[in-house]
Amino acid sequence: MARRRPREHRPLSLSSSHWRADGAAKVRYPTEREALAAAAERGREAGMELGAYRCGFCHGWHMGRRDPRHD
């Protein structure tokens, strides 16, 4: 069995996408599918369209507002 290389750990800054607007850490989802499911549920509750993106810091998935510039 091949050995995995350890992931590079980078320090988080308060301005990184790993933090919510209120300063709390974002929820990390292990898969895009789980993040999209959570985004759909939260989006219905909030009345907005949310999406998911891969985090460059924790290598998990987070949900966030859809940016129409990237569609």
N, C-alpha and C. Protein backbone atom coordinates (compact mmCIF):
# COMPACT_ATOMS: atom_id res chain seq x y z
N MET A 1 0.85 -1.17 0.00
CA MET A 1 0.00 0.00 0.00
C MET A 1 0.90 1.24 0.00
N ALA A 2 0.59 2.17 -0.86
CA ALA A 2 1.39 3.38 -0.98
C ALA A 2 1.15 4.29 0.23
N ARG A 3 2.22 4.94 0.65
CA ARG A 3 2.10 5.87 1.77
C ARG A 3 1.69 7.25 1.25
N ARG A 4 0.82 7.88 1.97
CA ARG A 4 0.39 9.23 1.61
C ARG A 4 1.39 10.24 2.14
N ARG A 5 1.60 11.26 1.34
CA ARG A 5 2.44 12.36 1.81
C ARG A 5 1.63 13.20 2.77
N PRO A 6 2.24 13.68 3.84
CA PRO A 6 1.49 14.53 4.77
C PRO A 6 1.06 15.82 4.07
N ARG A 7 -0.12 16.28 4.42
CA ARG A 7 -0.61 17.52 3.84
C ARG A 7 0.16 18.70 4.41
N GLU A 8 0.37 19.67 3.57
CA GLU A 8 1.03 20.89 4.01
C GLU A 8 0.04 21.69 4.85
N HIS A 9 0.46 22.07 6.04
CA HIS A 9 -0.39 22.88 6.90
C HIS A 9 0.07 24.32 6.81
N ARG A 10 -0.86 25.17 6.43
CA ARG A 10 -0.57 26.59 6.31
C ARG A 10 -1.29 27.33 7.42
N PRO A 11 -0.67 28.36 7.97
CA PRO A 11 -1.36 29.13 9.01
C PRO A 11 -2.57 29.85 8.43
N LEU A 12 -3.61 29.94 9.22
CA LEU A 12 -4.83 30.63 8.78
C LEU A 12 -4.77 32.08 9.21
N SER A 13 -5.17 32.94 8.32
CA SER A 13 -5.29 34.35 8.68
C SER A 13 -6.77 34.66 8.88
N LEU A 14 -7.04 35.72 9.58
CA LEU A 14 -8.44 36.09 9.81
C LEU A 14 -9.15 36.48 8.53
N SER A 15 -8.39 36.80 7.49
CA SER A 15 -9.01 37.19 6.23
C SER A 15 -9.19 36.01 5.28
N SER A 16 -8.80 34.81 5.70
CA SER A 16 -8.91 33.66 4.81
C SER A 16 -10.36 33.22 4.66
N SER A 17 -10.62 32.42 3.64
CA SER A 17 -11.97 31.94 3.38
C SER A 17 -12.38 30.83 4.35
N HIS A 18 -11.54 30.53 5.31
CA HIS A 18 -11.82 29.48 6.28
C HIS A 18 -12.69 30.01 7.44
N TRP A 19 -12.96 31.29 7.47
CA TRP A 19 -13.70 31.91 8.56
C TRP A 19 -15.00 32.54 8.06
N ARG A 20 -16.03 32.47 8.88
CA ARG A 20 -17.30 33.12 8.57
C ARG A 20 -17.18 34.61 8.85
N ALA A 21 -18.14 35.38 8.40
CA ALA A 21 -18.14 36.83 8.60
C ALA A 21 -18.17 37.19 10.08
N ASP A 22 -18.75 36.32 10.93
CA ASP A 22 -18.82 36.61 12.37
C ASP A 22 -17.56 36.19 13.12
N GLY A 23 -16.55 35.68 12.39
CA GLY A 23 -15.28 35.31 13.01
C GLY A 23 -15.18 33.85 13.41
N ALA A 24 -16.27 33.10 13.35
CA ALA A 24 -16.23 31.68 13.69
C ALA A 24 -15.68 30.88 12.52
N ALA A 25 -15.07 29.74 12.81
CA ALA A 25 -14.56 28.87 11.76
C ALA A 25 -15.71 28.28 10.96
N LYS A 26 -15.53 28.15 9.65
CA LYS A 26 -16.55 27.52 8.82
C LYS A 26 -16.59 26.02 9.09
N VAL A 27 -17.75 25.43 8.84
CA VAL A 27 -17.90 23.98 8.97
C VAL A 27 -17.15 23.31 7.82
N ARG A 28 -16.38 22.28 8.14
CA ARG A 28 -15.64 21.53 7.12
C ARG A 28 -16.44 20.28 6.78
N TYR A 29 -16.73 20.12 5.48
CA TYR A 29 -17.42 18.93 4.99
C TYR A 29 -16.38 18.07 4.26
N PRO A 30 -16.41 16.76 4.47
CA PRO A 30 -15.39 15.91 3.86
C PRO A 30 -15.55 15.73 2.35
N THR A 31 -16.78 15.94 1.84
CA THR A 31 -17.00 15.76 0.41
C THR A 31 -17.79 16.94 -0.16
N GLU A 32 -17.64 17.13 -1.46
CA GLU A 32 -18.40 18.18 -2.14
C GLU A 32 -19.90 17.90 -2.03
N ARG A 33 -20.26 16.64 -2.14
CA ARG A 33 -21.67 16.25 -2.08
C ARG A 33 -22.31 16.67 -0.75
N GLU A 34 -21.61 16.43 0.36
CA GLU A 34 -22.14 16.81 1.67
C GLU A 34 -22.23 18.33 1.81
N ALA A 35 -21.24 19.05 1.30
CA ALA A 35 -21.27 20.51 1.37
C ALA A 35 -22.42 21.07 0.54
N LEU A 36 -22.64 20.51 -0.64
CA LEU A 36 -23.73 20.98 -1.49
C LEU A 36 -25.09 20.68 -0.86
N ALA A 37 -25.23 19.53 -0.21
CA ALA A 37 -26.49 19.19 0.46
C ALA A 37 -26.76 20.18 1.60
N ALA A 38 -25.72 20.48 2.39
CA ALA A 38 -25.87 21.45 3.47
C ALA A 38 -26.17 22.83 2.92
N ALA A 39 -25.51 23.20 1.81
CA ALA A 39 -25.73 24.51 1.19
C ALA A 39 -27.16 24.64 0.68
N ALA A 40 -27.70 23.58 0.11
CA ALA A 40 -29.08 23.61 -0.40
C ALA A 40 -30.07 23.80 0.75
N GLU A 41 -29.85 23.07 1.84
CA GLU A 41 -30.75 23.18 3.00
C GLU A 41 -30.65 24.58 3.62
N ARG A 42 -29.43 25.04 3.85
CA ARG A 42 -29.24 26.37 4.46
C ARG A 42 -29.73 27.47 3.53
N GLY A 43 -29.54 27.30 2.24
CA GLY A 43 -30.00 28.29 1.28
C GLY A 43 -31.51 28.43 1.28
N ARG A 44 -32.22 27.30 1.40
CA ARG A 44 -33.70 27.35 1.49
C ARG A 44 -34.12 28.11 2.74
N GLU A 45 -33.44 27.84 3.88
CA GLU A 45 -33.77 28.52 5.13
C GLU A 45 -33.52 30.03 5.05
N ALA A 46 -32.43 30.41 4.39
CA ALA A 46 -32.02 31.82 4.33
C ALA A 46 -32.59 32.55 3.13
N GLY A 47 -33.17 31.82 2.19
CA GLY A 47 -33.72 32.44 1.00
C GLY A 47 -32.66 32.97 0.05
N MET A 48 -31.54 32.26 -0.04
CA MET A 48 -30.47 32.65 -0.97
C MET A 48 -29.83 31.41 -1.57
N GLU A 49 -29.13 31.59 -2.65
CA GLU A 49 -28.47 30.47 -3.31
C GLU A 49 -27.04 30.34 -2.77
N LEU A 50 -26.74 29.17 -2.24
CA LEU A 50 -25.41 28.89 -1.73
C LEU A 50 -24.74 27.80 -2.56
N GLY A 51 -23.44 27.79 -2.56
CA GLY A 51 -22.68 26.78 -3.28
C GLY A 51 -21.63 26.18 -2.38
N ALA A 52 -20.72 25.43 -2.95
CA ALA A 52 -19.65 24.79 -2.19
C ALA A 52 -18.33 25.02 -2.91
N TYR A 53 -17.25 25.05 -2.14
CA TYR A 53 -15.93 25.22 -2.72
C TYR A 53 -14.90 24.45 -1.91
N ARG A 54 -13.86 24.05 -2.58
CA ARG A 54 -12.75 23.32 -1.95
C ARG A 54 -11.87 24.32 -1.21
N CYS A 55 -11.53 24.03 0.04
CA CYS A 55 -10.72 24.92 0.86
C CYS A 55 -9.23 24.60 0.67
N GLY A 56 -8.47 25.61 0.34
CA GLY A 56 -7.04 25.44 0.16
C GLY A 56 -6.27 25.29 1.45
N PHE A 57 -6.93 25.53 2.58
CA PHE A 57 -6.25 25.42 3.87
C PHE A 57 -6.46 24.06 4.51
N CYS A 58 -7.71 23.61 4.61
CA CYS A 58 -7.99 22.34 5.29
C CYS A 58 -8.24 21.21 4.31
N HIS A 59 -8.33 21.53 3.02
CA HIS A 59 -8.56 20.56 1.95
C HIS A 59 -9.92 19.87 2.05
N GLY A 60 -10.81 20.44 2.85
CA GLY A 60 -12.18 19.96 2.92
C GLY A 60 -13.05 20.85 2.05
N TRP A 61 -14.33 20.80 2.27
CA TRP A 61 -15.29 21.60 1.50
C TRP A 61 -16.05 22.50 2.44
N HIS A 62 -16.34 23.72 1.99
CA HIS A 62 -17.14 24.68 2.74
C HIS A 62 -18.28 25.16 1.85
N MET A 63 -19.32 25.68 2.48
CA MET A 63 -20.39 26.30 1.69
C MET A 63 -20.25 27.81 1.80
N GLY A 64 -20.75 28.48 0.78
CA GLY A 64 -20.70 29.94 0.75
C GLY A 64 -21.65 30.47 -0.30
N ARG A 65 -21.77 31.78 -0.34
CA ARG A 65 -22.65 32.40 -1.33
C ARG A 65 -22.15 32.14 -2.73
N ARG A 66 -23.08 31.96 -3.63
CA ARG A 66 -22.74 31.79 -5.04
C ARG A 66 -22.30 33.13 -5.58
N ASP A 67 -21.22 33.14 -6.32
CA ASP A 67 -20.70 34.37 -6.93
C ASP A 67 -21.08 34.33 -8.40
N PRO A 68 -22.03 35.16 -8.85
CA PRO A 68 -22.46 35.11 -10.25
C PRO A 68 -21.32 35.41 -11.24
N ARG A 69 -20.27 36.06 -10.79
CA ARG A 69 -19.12 36.33 -11.67
C ARG A 69 -18.41 35.04 -12.07
N HIS A 70 -18.59 33.96 -11.27
CA HIS A 70 -17.90 32.70 -11.55
C HIS A 70 -18.79 31.67 -12.21
N ASP A 71 -20.02 32.03 -12.53
CA ASP A 71 -20.94 31.08 -13.19
C ASP A 71 -20.73 31.05 -14.69
